[in-house]
Amino acid sequence: METKQSGGTIKKSIRKRIMEGYLTVTLLSALVSVITIISLSVLFVFYANITSLDQERAVLSNTISSHYQWRSDLIRSLENGSSFTGSLDPQTCSFGK
């Protein structure tokens, strides 16, 4: 590869070409590293959000299950005429909180 400069021809040295190649590879590697780090940090944020939502879902599922059990016990006591041992105060129920 030759370039003309002020009436003469100057050949790029092999060393300069190799250095340009290394610089290009280094810059591309740095760019890929930065993109990877940013992508991983975004994924970790999404994972934390999903974990939090999954924990909330588990709490809600347990609350609903407890409510269904309470309701079943109340209906059974009304049908049988037996005493109800559960709470009738909505403030003590996890739904009422």
C-alpha atoms as a PDB file:
ATOM      1  CA  MET A   1       0.000   0.000   0.000  1.00  0.00           C
ATOM      2  CA  GLU A   2       1.553   3.229  -1.091  1.00  0.00           C
ATOM      3  CA  THR A   3       0.520   6.829  -0.573  1.00  0.00           C
ATOM      4  CA  LYS A   4       1.779   9.901  -2.383  1.00  0.00           C
ATOM      5  CA  GLN A   5       3.031  12.753  -0.294  1.00  0.00           C
ATOM      6  CA  SER A   6       4.863  15.881  -1.513  1.00  0.00           C
ATOM      7  CA  GLY A   7       5.933  14.385  -4.793  1.00  0.00           C
ATOM      8  CA  GLY A   8       7.382  11.171  -3.384  1.00  0.00           C
ATOM      9  CA  THR A   9       6.055   7.821  -2.422  1.00  0.00           C
ATOM     10  CA  ILE A  10       6.115   6.673   1.170  1.00  0.00           C
ATOM     11  CA  LYS A  11       5.431   3.094   2.077  1.00  0.00           C
ATOM     12  CA  LYS A  12       3.668   2.412   5.307  1.00  0.00           C
ATOM     13  CA  SER A  13       5.906   0.357   7.432  1.00  0.00           C
ATOM     14  CA  ILE A  14       4.851  -3.115   8.426  1.00  0.00           C
ATOM     15  CA  ARG A  15       5.188  -2.079  12.055  1.00  0.00           C
ATOM     16  CA  LYS A  16       2.682   0.740  11.586  1.00  0.00           C
ATOM     17  CA  ARG A  17       0.192  -1.605   9.917  1.00  0.00           C
ATOM     18  CA  ILE A  18       0.532  -4.146  12.723  1.00  0.00           C
ATOM     19  CA  MET A  19       0.060  -1.421  15.341  1.00  0.00           C
ATOM     20  CA  GLU A  20      -3.075  -0.174  13.565  1.00  0.00           C
ATOM     21  CA  GLY A  21      -4.416  -3.733  13.519  1.00  0.00           C
ATOM     22  CA  TYR A  22      -3.712  -4.214  17.225  1.00  0.00           C
ATOM     23  CA  LEU A  23      -5.311  -0.867  18.007  1.00  0.00           C
ATOM     24  CA  THR A  24      -8.411  -1.797  16.004  1.00  0.00           C
ATOM     25  CA  VAL A  25      -8.697  -5.177  17.718  1.00  0.00           C
ATOM     26  CA  THR A  26      -8.131  -3.589  21.141  1.00  0.00           C
ATOM     27  CA  LEU A  27     -10.778  -0.919  20.572  1.00  0.00           C
ATOM     28  CA  LEU A  28     -13.280  -3.471  19.304  1.00  0.00           C
ATOM     29  CA  SER A  29     -12.570  -5.700  22.310  1.00  0.00           C
ATOM     30  CA  ALA A  30     -13.077  -2.755  24.660  1.00  0.00           C
ATOM     31  CA  LEU A  31     -16.354  -1.891  22.930  1.00  0.00           C
ATOM     32  CA  VAL A  32     -17.597  -5.470  23.213  1.00  0.00           C
ATOM     33  CA  SER A  33     -16.566  -5.524  26.893  1.00  0.00           C
ATOM     34  CA  VAL A  34     -18.467  -2.310  27.645  1.00  0.00           C
ATOM     35  CA  ILE A  35     -21.565  -3.579  25.834  1.00  0.00           C
ATOM     36  CA  THR A  36     -21.329  -6.872  27.751  1.00  0.00           C
ATOM     37  CA  ILE A  37     -21.027  -5.116  31.113  1.00  0.00           C
ATOM     38  CA  ILE A  38     -23.993  -2.848  30.357  1.00  0.00           C
ATOM     39  CA  SER A  39     -26.085  -5.798  29.179  1.00  0.00           C
ATOM     40  CA  LEU A  40     -25.256  -7.834  32.285  1.00  0.00           C
ATOM     41  CA  SER A  41     -26.108  -4.945  34.605  1.00  0.00           C
ATOM     42  CA  VAL A  42     -29.486  -4.540  32.876  1.00  0.00           C
ATOM     43  CA  LEU A  43     -30.097  -8.286  33.162  1.00  0.00           C
ATOM     44  CA  PHE A  44     -29.259  -8.211  36.883  1.00  0.00           C
ATOM     45  CA  VAL A  45     -31.779  -5.392  37.408  1.00  0.00           C
ATOM     46  CA  PHE A  46     -34.439  -7.377  35.538  1.00  0.00           C
ATOM     47  CA  TYR A  47     -33.583 -10.484  37.566  1.00  0.00           C
ATOM     48  CA  ALA A  48     -33.922  -8.542  40.826  1.00  0.00           C
ATOM     49  CA  ASN A  49     -37.314  -7.215  39.711  1.00  0.00           C
ATOM     50  CA  ILE A  50     -38.505 -10.680  38.714  1.00  0.00           C
ATOM     51  CA  THR A  51     -37.309 -12.132  42.029  1.00  0.00           C
ATOM     52  CA  SER A  52     -39.145  -9.404  43.929  1.00  0.00           C
ATOM     53  CA  LEU A  53     -42.315  -9.970  41.927  1.00  0.00           C
ATOM     54  CA  ASP A  54     -42.063 -13.716  42.487  1.00  0.00           C
ATOM     55  CA  GLN A  55     -41.797 -13.175  46.247  1.00  0.00           C
ATOM     56  CA  GLU A  56     -44.850 -10.894  46.166  1.00  0.00           C
ATOM     57  CA  ARG A  57     -46.728 -13.511  44.151  1.00  0.00           C
ATOM     58  CA  ALA A  58     -45.882 -16.157  46.753  1.00  0.00           C
ATOM     59  CA  VAL A  59     -47.137 -13.919  49.569  1.00  0.00           C
ATOM     60  CA  LEU A  60     -50.368 -13.210  47.691  1.00  0.00           C
ATOM     61  CA  SER A  61     -50.827 -16.887  46.917  1.00  0.00           C
ATOM     62  CA  ASN A  62     -50.427 -17.790  50.596  1.00  0.00           C
ATOM     63  CA  THR A  63     -52.835 -15.008  51.584  1.00  0.00           C
ATOM     64  CA  ILE A  64     -55.474 -16.211  49.143  1.00  0.00           C
ATOM     65  CA  SER A  65     -55.009 -19.801  50.282  1.00  0.00           C
ATOM     66  CA  SER A  66     -55.438 -18.752  53.923  1.00  0.00           C
ATOM     67  CA  HIS A  67     -58.541 -16.759  53.008  1.00  0.00           C
ATOM     68  CA  TYR A  68     -60.087 -19.741  51.223  1.00  0.00           C
ATOM     69  CA  GLN A  69     -59.378 -21.927  54.243  1.00  0.00           C
ATOM     70  CA  TRP A  70     -60.959 -19.299  56.551  1.00  0.00           C
ATOM     71  CA  ARG A  71     -63.997 -19.055  54.280  1.00  0.00           C
ATOM     72  CA  SER A  72     -64.331 -22.834  54.151  1.00  0.00           C
ATOM     73  CA  ASP A  73     -64.161 -23.057  57.954  1.00  0.00           C
ATOM     74  CA  LEU A  74     -66.796 -20.298  58.303  1.00  0.00           C
ATOM     75  CA  ILE A  75     -69.175 -21.977  55.847  1.00  0.00           C
ATOM     76  CA  ARG A  76     -68.685 -25.355  57.550  1.00  0.00           C
ATOM     77  CA  SER A  77     -69.484 -23.851  60.968  1.00  0.00           C
ATOM     78  CA  LEU A  78     -72.618 -22.167  59.570  1.00  0.00           C
ATOM     79  CA  GLU A  79     -73.796 -25.377  57.928  1.00  0.00           C
ATOM     80  CA  ASN A  80     -73.136 -27.577  60.967  1.00  0.00           C
ATOM     81  CA  GLY A  81     -74.147 -25.039  63.593  1.00  0.00           C
ATOM     82  CA  SER A  82     -70.780 -25.470  65.298  1.00  0.00           C
ATOM     83  CA  SER A  83     -68.761 -22.624  66.768  1.00  0.00           C
ATOM     84  CA  PHE A  84     -66.386 -20.764  64.455  1.00  0.00           C
ATOM     85  CA  THR A  85     -62.836 -20.573  65.795  1.00  0.00           C
ATOM     86  CA  GLY A  86     -61.506 -18.157  63.185  1.00  0.00           C
ATOM     87  CA  SER A  87     -61.356 -14.387  63.503  1.00  0.00           C
ATOM     88  CA  LEU A  88     -64.256 -12.233  62.335  1.00  0.00           C
ATOM     89  CA  ASP A  89     -62.247  -8.999  62.595  1.00  0.00           C
ATOM     90  CA  PRO A  90     -61.183  -7.927  59.089  1.00  0.00           C
ATOM     91  CA  GLN A  91     -58.214  -6.011  60.539  1.00  0.00           C
ATOM     92  CA  THR A  92     -56.558  -9.234  61.711  1.00  0.00           C
ATOM     93  CA  CYS A  93     -56.844 -10.929  58.327  1.00  0.00           C
ATOM     94  CA  SER A  94     -53.961 -10.587  55.891  1.00  0.00           C
ATOM     95  CA  PHE A  95     -56.508  -9.393  53.310  1.00  0.00           C
ATOM     96  CA  GLY A  96     -57.603  -6.628  55.677  1.00  0.00           C
ATOM     97  CA  LYS A  97     -54.094  -5.278  56.165  1.00  0.00           C
END
